[in-house]
Amino acid sequence: MSRALGLEGDVSRELLQLTCQPVACAVEIIDQDGGLLPEEMVVVRNAAWKRRVEFAAGRSAARRALGKMGEPSQPIPKGKLGEPIWPAGYGGSISHDGPFAAAIVHAIKTSAEALAIDLIDASDLTRYWEVSHLVRAAGESSEIAGDPRSAALLFGAKEAAIKLISPRAERYIGFERLVAARTNRGFQIRCTYSNLCILVRTFESNGIIVSLGILDRPCGA
């Protein structure tokens, strides 16, 4: 539990530096498949146990984050692209990997405001190195994912960007549509389909690589 609280605190501090929006974060340990509301249980009714416990921990984290924003406990359905459907006036993101599930929730004042999170268990990054050629877009140097850690950072950053862009495009946007460039604290990612830019801040906390994405602006604006 102490690692989960440590991760939650670190993500919360980074969010406060990334945005001026009212925002909350919650992290849960993935260990049981209880706590789902009836509207959510139908989503994973036939899923394997691992998928059920990940989904349950993510929804539990999301409800706790909403509670920090003053919202009552309520179902968080799943959209057609797999995205969580938040209560009116809120947006957010859920991610899980390794022992943790995390959710961030933010208030929405304009349609341009959006945040996303992605988690990667840093204990084994070999799998990201093995698929790095599938994650890189045309025009990206192989050096941007030149070792397992760099490959994992790129993967997580693009996953966060996909969570922000796909619902707006109303279709899944793949890695090949996202062109990444390094920044001091992460990446700037340009979508070649919608011409949106995503700023992604990456850091490691309690054995987890965290990517926090924020919708920046139309590229060239």
Foldseek 3Di string as FASTA:
>chain_A
DVQQVQVQVVVVVVVVVVDPFDKHKHKDFQDALDDADPLACVVCVPPDRSVSSQSNRQLVRVQVRVVVVVDHRDHFHADPVRFTHDPPQKAWEWEDDDGMIMIMMTGDDDPQWYKYKYKDQQPDQVVLLVCLVVLAAPPDDCVCCVDSVSSVLSVRQVVRVQNVVCVVVVHGQGSRQWHWDDDPFGTWIAGNVQQWIKDWGWDDGSRMIMIMIIGDGRPPD
